[in-house]
Amino acid sequence: MPQHTDEEQWRAALEAAHEFATKEPERWKASWNELNDVMGTLFGVLNLMPAFAAPRYLARGNPDVRPTPEQLLGLFDKYISLLDYWKRTTTNIQDHEFLRTEEATRRLRALLETWEWSLEAPAPIVQVARDWLAAYGAREPAEGWDQWLGPEEDERPGPKG
């Protein structure tokens, strides 16, 4: 059986996507919107966890820019829905880094119900966020969560400069 390079596989995937988009534009659009929603949920949770785990990082945030309780709980509800879906469709749960976060996610969701967003997370939220990151496989910063000020400028997602 011939070996395919990553570039060949990528090209084949692009061609298949283009064909799908051309033949079934409504389904393509719905699939694209669903993918954007899933990625937004994953990145939303992934961005919050280090802030909850590192008190000094959270304290550096903008007090005027924060999610409403409804937005925060909604994000975690969507994330839990994704976990439930993946549990039904994934064969090897231990190899799925997001599924390993389920228990901590549910604990954090319960804690968030009674927390009014501020730049100081209560100790139980800090601990559960650290548990979540450990379950996900993220390493603790060299200086420890209590001293970490957040990612360096060049580690942050998005445009540089």
C-alpha atoms as a PDB file:
ATOM      1  CA  MET A   1       0.000   0.000   0.000  1.00  0.00           C
ATOM      2  CA  PRO A   2       1.527   3.370  -0.979  1.00  0.00           C
ATOM      3  CA  GLN A   3       2.474   5.870   1.706  1.00  0.00           C
ATOM      4  CA  HIS A   4       0.793   9.258   1.460  1.00  0.00           C
ATOM      5  CA  THR A   5       2.547  12.379   2.604  1.00  0.00           C
ATOM      6  CA  ASP A   6       0.878  14.851   4.907  1.00  0.00           C
ATOM      7  CA  GLU A   7       0.688  17.288   1.998  1.00  0.00           C
ATOM      8  CA  GLU A   8      -1.111  14.729  -0.172  1.00  0.00           C
ATOM      9  CA  GLN A   9      -3.556  13.947   2.622  1.00  0.00           C
ATOM     10  CA  TRP A  10      -4.133  17.641   3.239  1.00  0.00           C
ATOM     11  CA  ARG A  11      -4.726  18.252  -0.480  1.00  0.00           C
ATOM     12  CA  ALA A  12      -7.171  15.323  -0.671  1.00  0.00           C
ATOM     13  CA  ALA A  13      -9.042  16.620   2.379  1.00  0.00           C
ATOM     14  CA  LEU A  14      -9.277  20.106   0.859  1.00  0.00           C
ATOM     15  CA  GLU A  15     -10.597  18.689  -2.402  1.00  0.00           C
ATOM     16  CA  ALA A  16     -13.208  16.640  -0.547  1.00  0.00           C
ATOM     17  CA  ALA A  17     -14.252  19.683   1.491  1.00  0.00           C
ATOM     18  CA  HIS A  18     -14.518  21.820  -1.644  1.00  0.00           C
ATOM     19  CA  GLU A  19     -16.639  19.169  -3.350  1.00  0.00           C
ATOM     20  CA  PHE A  20     -18.926  18.933  -0.309  1.00  0.00           C
ATOM     21  CA  ALA A  21     -19.258  22.728  -0.108  1.00  0.00           C
ATOM     22  CA  THR A  22     -20.076  22.950  -3.811  1.00  0.00           C
ATOM     23  CA  LYS A  23     -22.596  20.102  -3.900  1.00  0.00           C
ATOM     24  CA  GLU A  24     -24.315  20.747  -0.579  1.00  0.00           C
ATOM     25  CA  PRO A  25     -23.775  24.383   0.459  1.00  0.00           C
ATOM     26  CA  GLU A  26     -26.447  24.392   3.179  1.00  0.00           C
ATOM     27  CA  ARG A  27     -25.041  21.301   4.879  1.00  0.00           C
ATOM     28  CA  TRP A  28     -21.535  22.737   4.479  1.00  0.00           C
ATOM     29  CA  LYS A  29     -22.598  25.973   6.158  1.00  0.00           C
ATOM     30  CA  ALA A  30     -24.321  24.099   8.999  1.00  0.00           C
ATOM     31  CA  SER A  31     -21.242  21.907   9.500  1.00  0.00           C
ATOM     32  CA  TRP A  32     -18.962  24.944   9.472  1.00  0.00           C
ATOM     33  CA  ASN A  33     -21.143  26.731  12.038  1.00  0.00           C
ATOM     34  CA  GLU A  34     -21.176  23.644  14.254  1.00  0.00           C
ATOM     35  CA  LEU A  35     -17.387  23.375  14.045  1.00  0.00           C
ATOM     36  CA  ASN A  36     -17.020  27.054  14.974  1.00  0.00           C
ATOM     37  CA  ASP A  37     -19.337  26.555  17.943  1.00  0.00           C
ATOM     38  CA  VAL A  38     -17.400  23.506  19.167  1.00  0.00           C
ATOM     39  CA  MET A  39     -14.050  25.257  18.781  1.00  0.00           C
ATOM     40  CA  GLY A  40     -15.360  28.364  20.545  1.00  0.00           C
ATOM     41  CA  THR A  41     -16.506  26.225  23.459  1.00  0.00           C
ATOM     42  CA  LEU A  42     -13.200  24.358  23.715  1.00  0.00           C
ATOM     43  CA  PHE A  43     -11.088  27.502  23.471  1.00  0.00           C
ATOM     44  CA  GLY A  44     -13.344  29.324  25.923  1.00  0.00           C
ATOM     45  CA  VAL A  45     -12.857  26.643  28.568  1.00  0.00           C
ATOM     46  CA  LEU A  46      -9.148  26.242  27.777  1.00  0.00           C
ATOM     47  CA  ASN A  47      -8.628  29.994  28.183  1.00  0.00           C
ATOM     48  CA  LEU A  48     -10.486  30.199  31.500  1.00  0.00           C
ATOM     49  CA  MET A  49      -8.812  27.293  33.285  1.00  0.00           C
ATOM     50  CA  PRO A  50      -5.331  28.811  33.655  1.00  0.00           C
ATOM     51  CA  ALA A  51      -6.872  32.066  34.881  1.00  0.00           C
ATOM     52  CA  PHE A  52      -8.917  30.221  37.503  1.00  0.00           C
ATOM     53  CA  ALA A  53      -5.878  28.098  38.482  1.00  0.00           C
ATOM     54  CA  ALA A  54      -3.489  31.047  38.849  1.00  0.00           C
ATOM     55  CA  PRO A  55      -4.763  33.760  41.218  1.00  0.00           C
ATOM     56  CA  ARG A  56      -2.156  36.316  40.123  1.00  0.00           C
ATOM     57  CA  TYR A  57      -3.030  35.782  36.454  1.00  0.00           C
ATOM     58  CA  LEU A  58      -6.748  36.257  37.112  1.00  0.00           C
ATOM     59  CA  ALA A  59      -6.032  39.353  39.219  1.00  0.00           C
ATOM     60  CA  ARG A  60      -4.322  40.972  36.211  1.00  0.00           C
ATOM     61  CA  GLY A  61      -7.551  40.833  34.208  1.00  0.00           C
ATOM     62  CA  ASN A  62      -9.741  43.755  33.246  1.00  0.00           C
ATOM     63  CA  PRO A  63     -12.509  44.115  35.857  1.00  0.00           C
ATOM     64  CA  ASP A  64     -14.800  45.633  33.217  1.00  0.00           C
ATOM     65  CA  VAL A  65     -14.475  42.681  30.840  1.00  0.00           C
ATOM     66  CA  ARG A  66     -16.026  39.580  32.295  1.00  0.00           C
ATOM     67  CA  PRO A  67     -18.671  37.079  31.330  1.00  0.00           C
ATOM     68  CA  THR A  68     -22.116  37.279  32.823  1.00  0.00           C
ATOM     69  CA  PRO A  69     -23.091  34.369  35.069  1.00  0.00           C
ATOM     70  CA  GLU A  70     -25.370  33.153  32.264  1.00  0.00           C
ATOM     71  CA  GLN A  71     -22.524  33.232  29.730  1.00  0.00           C
ATOM     72  CA  LEU A  72     -20.149  31.451  32.080  1.00  0.00           C
ATOM     73  CA  LEU A  73     -22.622  28.720  32.995  1.00  0.00           C
ATOM     74  CA  GLY A  74     -23.715  28.436  29.355  1.00  0.00           C
ATOM     75  CA  LEU A  75     -20.119  27.847  28.273  1.00  0.00           C
ATOM     76  CA  PHE A  76     -19.706  25.038  30.799  1.00  0.00           C
ATOM     77  CA  ASP A  77     -23.087  23.552  29.885  1.00  0.00           C
ATOM     78  CA  LYS A  78     -22.017  23.429  26.233  1.00  0.00           C
ATOM     79  CA  TYR A  79     -18.693  21.900  27.233  1.00  0.00           C
ATOM     80  CA  ILE A  80     -20.449  19.230  29.323  1.00  0.00           C
ATOM     81  CA  SER A  81     -22.713  18.491  26.340  1.00  0.00           C
ATOM     82  CA  LEU A  82     -19.604  17.955  24.206  1.00  0.00           C
ATOM     83  CA  LEU A  83     -18.181  15.622  26.850  1.00  0.00           C
ATOM     84  CA  ASP A  84     -21.440  13.654  26.917  1.00  0.00           C
ATOM     85  CA  TYR A  85     -21.372  13.374  23.116  1.00  0.00           C
ATOM     86  CA  TRP A  86     -17.745  12.246  23.083  1.00  0.00           C
ATOM     87  CA  LYS A  87     -18.435   9.649  25.789  1.00  0.00           C
ATOM     88  CA  ARG A  88     -21.078   8.130  23.528  1.00  0.00           C
ATOM     89  CA  THR A  89     -18.871   8.169  20.426  1.00  0.00           C
ATOM     90  CA  THR A  90     -15.294   7.594  21.665  1.00  0.00           C
ATOM     91  CA  THR A  91     -13.946   4.097  22.138  1.00  0.00           C
ATOM     92  CA  ASN A  92     -10.886   4.801  24.280  1.00  0.00           C
ATOM     93  CA  ILE A  93     -11.922   7.436  26.807  1.00  0.00           C
ATOM     94  CA  GLN A  94      -8.563   7.523  28.625  1.00  0.00           C
ATOM     95  CA  ASP A  95      -6.840   8.670  25.424  1.00  0.00           C
ATOM     96  CA  HIS A  96      -9.222  11.602  25.060  1.00  0.00           C
ATOM     97  CA  GLU A  97      -7.750  14.522  27.021  1.00  0.00           C
ATOM     98  CA  PHE A  98     -11.025  16.425  27.224  1.00  0.00           C
ATOM     99  CA  LEU A  99     -12.946  13.422  28.568  1.00  0.00           C
ATOM    100  CA  ARG A 100     -10.430  13.087  31.379  1.00  0.00           C
ATOM    101  CA  THR A 101     -11.638  16.521  32.575  1.00  0.00           C
ATOM    102  CA  GLU A 102     -15.267  15.511  33.089  1.00  0.00           C
ATOM    103  CA  GLU A 103     -15.264  15.090  36.865  1.00  0.00           C
ATOM    104  CA  ALA A 104     -13.447  18.386  37.470  1.00  0.00           C
ATOM    105  CA  THR A 105     -15.665  20.137  34.912  1.00  0.00           C
ATOM    106  CA  ARG A 106     -18.835  19.070  36.698  1.00  0.00           C
ATOM    107  CA  ARG A 107     -17.415  20.123  40.077  1.00  0.00           C
ATOM    108  CA  LEU A 108     -16.393  23.502  38.680  1.00  0.00           C
ATOM    109  CA  ARG A 109     -19.775  24.002  37.008  1.00  0.00           C
ATOM    110  CA  ALA A 110     -21.457  23.490  40.389  1.00  0.00           C
ATOM    111  CA  LEU A 111     -19.110  25.983  42.091  1.00  0.00           C
ATOM    112  CA  LEU A 112     -19.688  28.587  39.389  1.00  0.00           C
ATOM    113  CA  GLU A 113     -23.439  28.571  40.033  1.00  0.00           C
ATOM    114  CA  THR A 114     -22.952  30.531  43.242  1.00  0.00           C
ATOM    115  CA  TRP A 115     -19.900  32.610  42.302  1.00  0.00           C
ATOM    116  CA  GLU A 116     -20.200  36.181  41.103  1.00  0.00           C
ATOM    117  CA  TRP A 117     -17.318  36.772  38.674  1.00  0.00           C
ATOM    118  CA  SER A 118     -14.496  38.794  40.121  1.00  0.00           C
ATOM    119  CA  LEU A 119     -10.742  38.996  39.704  1.00  0.00           C
ATOM    120  CA  GLU A 120     -10.333  36.822  42.782  1.00  0.00           C
ATOM    121  CA  ALA A 121     -11.518  33.235  42.537  1.00  0.00           C
ATOM    122  CA  PRO A 122     -12.346  31.385  45.760  1.00  0.00           C
ATOM    123  CA  ALA A 123      -9.931  28.626  46.799  1.00  0.00           C
ATOM    124  CA  PRO A 124     -12.298  25.773  45.765  1.00  0.00           C
ATOM    125  CA  ILE A 125     -12.514  27.168  42.201  1.00  0.00           C
ATOM    126  CA  VAL A 126      -8.730  27.572  42.079  1.00  0.00           C
ATOM    127  CA  GLN A 127      -8.214  23.960  43.197  1.00  0.00           C
ATOM    128  CA  VAL A 128     -10.771  22.476  40.813  1.00  0.00           C
ATOM    129  CA  ALA A 129      -9.261  24.428  37.902  1.00  0.00           C
ATOM    130  CA  ARG A 130      -5.867  22.978  38.818  1.00  0.00           C
ATOM    131  CA  ASP A 131      -7.417  19.506  38.987  1.00  0.00           C
ATOM    132  CA  TRP A 132      -8.963  20.118  35.550  1.00  0.00           C
ATOM    133  CA  LEU A 133      -5.627  21.171  34.041  1.00  0.00           C
ATOM    134  CA  ALA A 134      -3.867  18.149  35.573  1.00  0.00           C
ATOM    135  CA  ALA A 135      -6.530  15.811  34.174  1.00  0.00           C
ATOM    136  CA  TYR A 136      -6.172  17.464  30.765  1.00  0.00           C
ATOM    137  CA  GLY A 137      -2.429  16.892  30.899  1.00  0.00           C
ATOM    138  CA  ALA A 138      -1.268  20.494  31.254  1.00  0.00           C
ATOM    139  CA  ARG A 139       1.896  20.986  33.231  1.00  0.00           C
ATOM    140  CA  GLU A 140       2.075  23.407  36.105  1.00  0.00           C
ATOM    141  CA  PRO A 141       4.228  26.460  35.318  1.00  0.00           C
ATOM    142  CA  ALA A 142       7.805  26.284  36.635  1.00  0.00           C
ATOM    143  CA  GLU A 143       7.070  28.998  39.191  1.00  0.00           C
ATOM    144  CA  GLY A 144       3.894  27.242  40.377  1.00  0.00           C
ATOM    145  CA  TRP A 145       0.283  28.284  39.887  1.00  0.00           C
ATOM    146  CA  ASP A 146       0.338  30.664  42.848  1.00  0.00           C
ATOM    147  CA  GLN A 147       3.176  32.728  41.357  1.00  0.00           C
ATOM    148  CA  TRP A 148       2.361  32.440  37.645  1.00  0.00           C
ATOM    149  CA  LEU A 149       1.361  35.757  36.062  1.00  0.00           C
ATOM    150  CA  GLY A 150       0.009  34.243  32.860  1.00  0.00           C
ATOM    151  CA  PRO A 151       1.453  33.468  29.454  1.00  0.00           C
ATOM    152  CA  GLU A 152       4.251  35.585  28.077  1.00  0.00           C
ATOM    153  CA  GLU A 153       3.238  37.919  25.269  1.00  0.00           C
ATOM    154  CA  ASP A 154       4.689  35.599  22.629  1.00  0.00           C
ATOM    155  CA  GLU A 155       2.728  32.618  24.055  1.00  0.00           C
ATOM    156  CA  ARG A 156      -0.666  34.293  23.725  1.00  0.00           C
ATOM    157  CA  PRO A 157      -2.897  33.344  20.816  1.00  0.00           C
ATOM    158  CA  GLY A 158      -3.696  35.867  18.118  1.00  0.00           C
ATOM    159  CA  PRO A 159      -1.802  38.455  16.100  1.00  0.00           C
ATOM    160  CA  LYS A 160       1.535  39.642  17.400  1.00  0.00           C
ATOM    161  CA  GLY A 161       2.819  43.178  17.460  1.00  0.00           C
END
